[in-house]
């Protein structure tokens, strides 16, 4: 199966970069991590992967911010009436923005569950483009460096850069890493939910 995937990437690199673009569009770290790992194995260019990831996430979050900024400038009916689902999803982002302000703008990409809505909320809450644009640039740069850097190190650990194949016993190492990542993800999700409940309780 892996050999078929590698053959596909070698024959259709443009399709692979398109997938990277779509992954960055939805802030899909798993796709960016995988593409960076494949770059370490020589199947893709890490320069192209990181450039696509950076400029795409920078662009989409800038667009979403201006959507929120436009709604802030043209309030009309309350958001809870016009977009009830958006209003419900934005509550947590608003709470974080009020509490952490600049830190939240710099780190919202790393907060699971509210990444897509956060730029809209930041615009809705009155942040100016002059303030958001440079912070968004720094945030996108940090997100790209961490995502692509981690993926590249991961690929360098498991793949032979000369042949592009998994090194000896990598499958067993990979299984151990996957199990570790899954367990870590479960712990982080539990902690995140507990923190959300505590914040919600304190805000009531």
Protein backbone atom coordinates (compact mmCIF):
# COMPACT_ATOMS: atom_id res chain seq x y z
CA UNK A 1 0.00 0.00 0.00
CA UNK A 2 2.80 2.42 0.93
CA UNK A 3 4.67 1.58 -2.27
CA UNK A 4 1.56 2.44 -4.31
CA UNK A 5 1.26 5.76 -2.47
CA UNK A 6 4.92 6.58 -3.08
CA UNK A 7 4.59 5.70 -6.78
CA UNK A 8 1.55 7.94 -7.07
CA UNK A 9 3.40 10.88 -5.48
CA UNK A 10 6.40 10.40 -7.76
CA UNK A 11 4.19 10.29 -10.85
CA UNK A 12 1.81 13.08 -9.79
CA UNK A 13 3.69 15.58 -7.57
CA UNK A 14 1.34 18.41 -8.57
CA UNK A 15 -1.60 16.44 -7.20
CA UNK A 16 0.32 15.94 -3.95
CA UNK A 17 0.95 19.68 -3.67
CA UNK A 18 -2.75 20.31 -4.36
CA UNK A 19 -3.58 18.06 -1.40
CA UNK A 20 -1.11 20.05 0.70
CA UNK A 21 -2.92 23.23 -0.36
CA UNK A 22 -6.31 21.79 0.63
CA UNK A 23 -4.88 20.59 3.92
CA UNK A 24 -3.53 24.04 4.74
CA UNK A 25 -6.84 25.54 3.67
CA UNK A 26 -8.65 23.65 6.41
CA UNK A 27 -5.66 23.84 8.80
CA UNK A 28 -5.17 20.08 8.52
CA UNK A 29 -1.97 19.48 10.45
CA UNK A 30 -2.01 15.76 9.65
CA UNK A 31 -1.71 16.45 5.92
CA UNK A 32 1.04 19.03 6.44
CA UNK A 33 2.91 16.66 8.76
CA UNK A 34 2.61 13.81 6.26
CA UNK A 35 3.73 15.96 3.33
CA UNK A 36 6.73 17.22 5.30
CA UNK A 37 7.65 13.64 6.23
CA UNK A 38 7.51 12.69 2.55
CA UNK A 39 9.74 15.69 1.80
CA UNK A 40 12.33 14.28 4.20
CA UNK A 41 12.21 11.04 2.20
CA UNK A 42 12.81 12.94 -1.04
CA UNK A 43 9.34 12.56 -2.55
CA UNK A 44 8.37 16.23 -2.20
CA UNK A 45 10.15 19.55 -1.73
CA UNK A 46 10.07 20.85 1.85
CA UNK A 47 10.43 24.40 0.49
CA UNK A 48 7.29 23.99 -1.62
CA UNK A 49 5.35 22.24 1.15
CA UNK A 50 6.18 24.92 3.73
CA UNK A 51 5.52 27.78 1.26
CA UNK A 52 2.11 26.38 0.32
CA UNK A 53 1.23 25.77 3.96
CA UNK A 54 2.31 29.25 5.06
CA UNK A 55 0.71 31.36 2.33
CA UNK A 56 -2.52 29.34 2.29
CA UNK A 57 -3.17 29.49 6.03
CA UNK A 58 -2.17 33.17 6.03
CA UNK A 59 -4.59 33.95 3.21
CA UNK A 60 -7.62 31.99 4.44
CA UNK A 61 -7.45 33.36 7.98
CA UNK A 62 -7.03 36.87 6.64
CA UNK A 63 -10.16 36.43 4.52
CA UNK A 64 -12.12 35.06 7.49
CA UNK A 65 -10.97 38.00 9.61
CA UNK A 66 -12.27 40.48 7.04
CA UNK A 67 -15.60 38.64 6.99
CA UNK A 68 -15.87 39.23 10.74
CA UNK A 69 -14.57 42.79 10.40
CA UNK A 70 -17.23 43.56 7.77
CA UNK A 71 -19.94 42.18 10.06
CA UNK A 72 -18.56 44.36 12.86
CA UNK A 73 -18.75 47.46 10.65
CA UNK A 74 -22.26 46.53 9.42
CA UNK A 75 -23.90 45.04 12.51
CA UNK A 76 -27.56 44.94 11.46
CA UNK A 77 -29.47 42.33 13.46
CA UNK A 78 -27.70 40.56 16.36
CA UNK A 79 -25.43 37.72 15.37
CA UNK A 80 -27.47 35.33 17.52
CA UNK A 81 -30.47 35.98 15.26
CA UNK A 82 -28.72 36.06 11.87
CA UNK A 83 -26.37 33.12 12.40
CA UNK A 84 -27.44 31.15 15.51
CA UNK A 85 -25.08 28.23 14.84
CA UNK A 86 -22.14 30.57 14.28
CA UNK A 87 -23.05 32.42 17.47
CA UNK A 88 -23.06 29.23 19.53
CA UNK A 89 -19.71 28.08 18.12
CA UNK A 90 -18.13 31.48 18.68
CA UNK A 91 -18.81 31.75 22.40
CA UNK A 92 -15.67 29.92 23.48
CA UNK A 93 -13.50 31.88 21.04
CA UNK A 94 -14.90 35.16 22.36
CA UNK A 95 -14.15 34.06 25.92
CA UNK A 96 -10.54 33.21 25.05
CA UNK A 97 -10.10 36.45 23.11
CA UNK A 98 -11.32 38.56 26.03
CA UNK A 99 -9.12 36.69 28.49
CA UNK A 100 -5.90 36.30 26.51
CA UNK A 101 -6.22 38.98 23.78
CA UNK A 102 -2.94 39.11 21.78
CA UNK A 103 -1.86 35.65 22.93
CA UNK A 104 -5.09 34.19 21.57
CA UNK A 105 -4.59 35.84 18.17
CA UNK A 106 -1.11 34.34 18.02
CA UNK A 107 -2.19 30.86 19.11
CA UNK A 108 -5.75 30.24 17.86
CA UNK A 109 -4.40 27.98 15.07
CA UNK A 110 -3.35 25.51 17.74
CA UNK A 111 -6.71 25.40 19.55
CA UNK A 112 -8.75 22.46 18.31
CA UNK A 113 -12.43 23.08 17.61
CA UNK A 114 -12.37 26.87 17.20
CA UNK A 115 -9.59 27.45 14.66
CA UNK A 116 -11.87 28.16 11.69
CA UNK A 117 -14.24 30.43 13.61
CA UNK A 118 -11.56 32.36 15.53
CA UNK A 119 -10.50 34.83 12.77
CA UNK A 120 -14.18 35.71 12.22
CA UNK A 121 -14.67 36.27 15.95
CA UNK A 122 -11.52 38.41 16.16
CA UNK A 123 -12.90 40.62 13.38
CA UNK A 124 -16.35 40.69 14.98
CA UNK A 125 -14.91 41.84 18.30
CA UNK A 126 -13.46 44.98 16.72
CA UNK A 127 -9.81 44.14 16.16
CA UNK A 128 -8.40 46.36 13.42
CA UNK A 129 -6.63 45.05 10.29
CA UNK A 130 -3.57 47.07 11.37
CA UNK A 131 -3.39 44.97 14.53
CA UNK A 132 -4.48 41.60 13.17
CA UNK A 133 -2.39 41.44 9.98
CA UNK A 134 1.09 41.40 11.61
CA UNK A 135 -0.04 39.06 14.38
CA UNK A 136 -1.62 36.74 11.83
CA UNK A 137 1.63 36.75 9.85
CA UNK A 138 3.64 35.73 12.92
CA UNK A 139 1.07 33.10 13.88
CA UNK A 140 1.09 31.58 10.38
CA UNK A 141 4.89 31.55 10.39
CA UNK A 142 5.06 29.76 13.75
CA UNK A 143 2.34 27.26 12.77
CA UNK A 144 4.13 26.45 9.51
CA UNK A 145 7.53 26.10 11.18
CA UNK A 146 6.19 23.75 13.85
CA UNK A 147 4.00 21.65 11.53
CA UNK A 148 6.53 21.31 8.71
CA UNK A 149 9.51 21.03 11.04
CA UNK A 150 7.90 18.27 13.09
CA UNK A 151 6.82 16.39 9.96
CA UNK A 152 10.27 16.65 8.40
CA UNK A 153 11.97 15.34 11.57
CA UNK A 154 9.42 12.54 11.70
CA UNK A 155 10.15 11.57 8.11
CA UNK A 156 13.89 11.83 8.61
CA UNK A 157 13.60 9.39 11.51
CA UNK A 158 11.61 6.75 9.62
CA UNK A 159 12.75 7.07 6.01
CA UNK A 160 16.06 6.48 4.28
CA UNK A 161 16.73 9.71 2.38
CA UNK A 162 18.75 7.80 -0.24
CA UNK A 163 16.13 5.19 -1.16
CA UNK A 164 12.96 6.84 0.11
CA UNK A 165 11.97 3.60 1.85
CA UNK A 166 11.25 2.89 5.49
CA UNK A 167 14.41 2.04 7.39
CA UNK A 168 14.76 -1.30 9.16
CA UNK A 169 12.29 -1.90 12.00
CA UNK A 170 10.58 1.42 11.22
CA UNK A 171 7.18 -0.24 11.11
CA UNK A 172 7.52 -1.27 14.75
CA UNK A 173 8.81 2.18 15.67
CA UNK A 174 5.93 3.73 13.76
CA UNK A 175 3.39 1.62 15.63
CA UNK A 176 4.89 2.75 18.94
CA UNK A 177 4.80 6.40 17.89
CA UNK A 178 1.20 6.13 16.66
CA UNK A 179 0.10 4.55 19.94
CA UNK A 180 1.94 7.27 21.87
CA UNK A 181 0.37 10.04 19.78
CA UNK A 182 -3.12 8.57 20.19
CA UNK A 183 -2.71 8.32 23.96
CA UNK A 184 -1.37 11.88 24.11
CA UNK A 185 -4.28 13.11 22.00
CA UNK A 186 -6.77 11.42 24.33
CA UNK A 187 -5.15 13.04 27.37
CA UNK A 188 -5.12 16.47 25.71
CA UNK A 189 -8.77 16.17 24.65
CA UNK A 190 -9.81 15.22 28.18
CA UNK A 191 -7.83 18.12 29.68
CA UNK A 192 -9.18 20.52 27.06
CA UNK A 193 -12.77 19.53 27.81
CA UNK A 194 -12.24 19.85 31.55
CA UNK A 195 -10.73 23.29 31.05
CA UNK A 196 -13.69 24.27 28.86
CA UNK A 197 -16.16 23.17 31.53
CA UNK A 198 -14.27 25.10 34.20
CA UNK A 199 -14.18 28.26 32.07
CA UNK A 200 -17.86 27.90 31.26
CA UNK A 201 -18.71 27.44 34.94
CA UNK A 202 -16.68 30.49 35.94
CA UNK A 203 -18.32 32.65 33.26
CA UNK A 204 -21.83 31.84 34.47
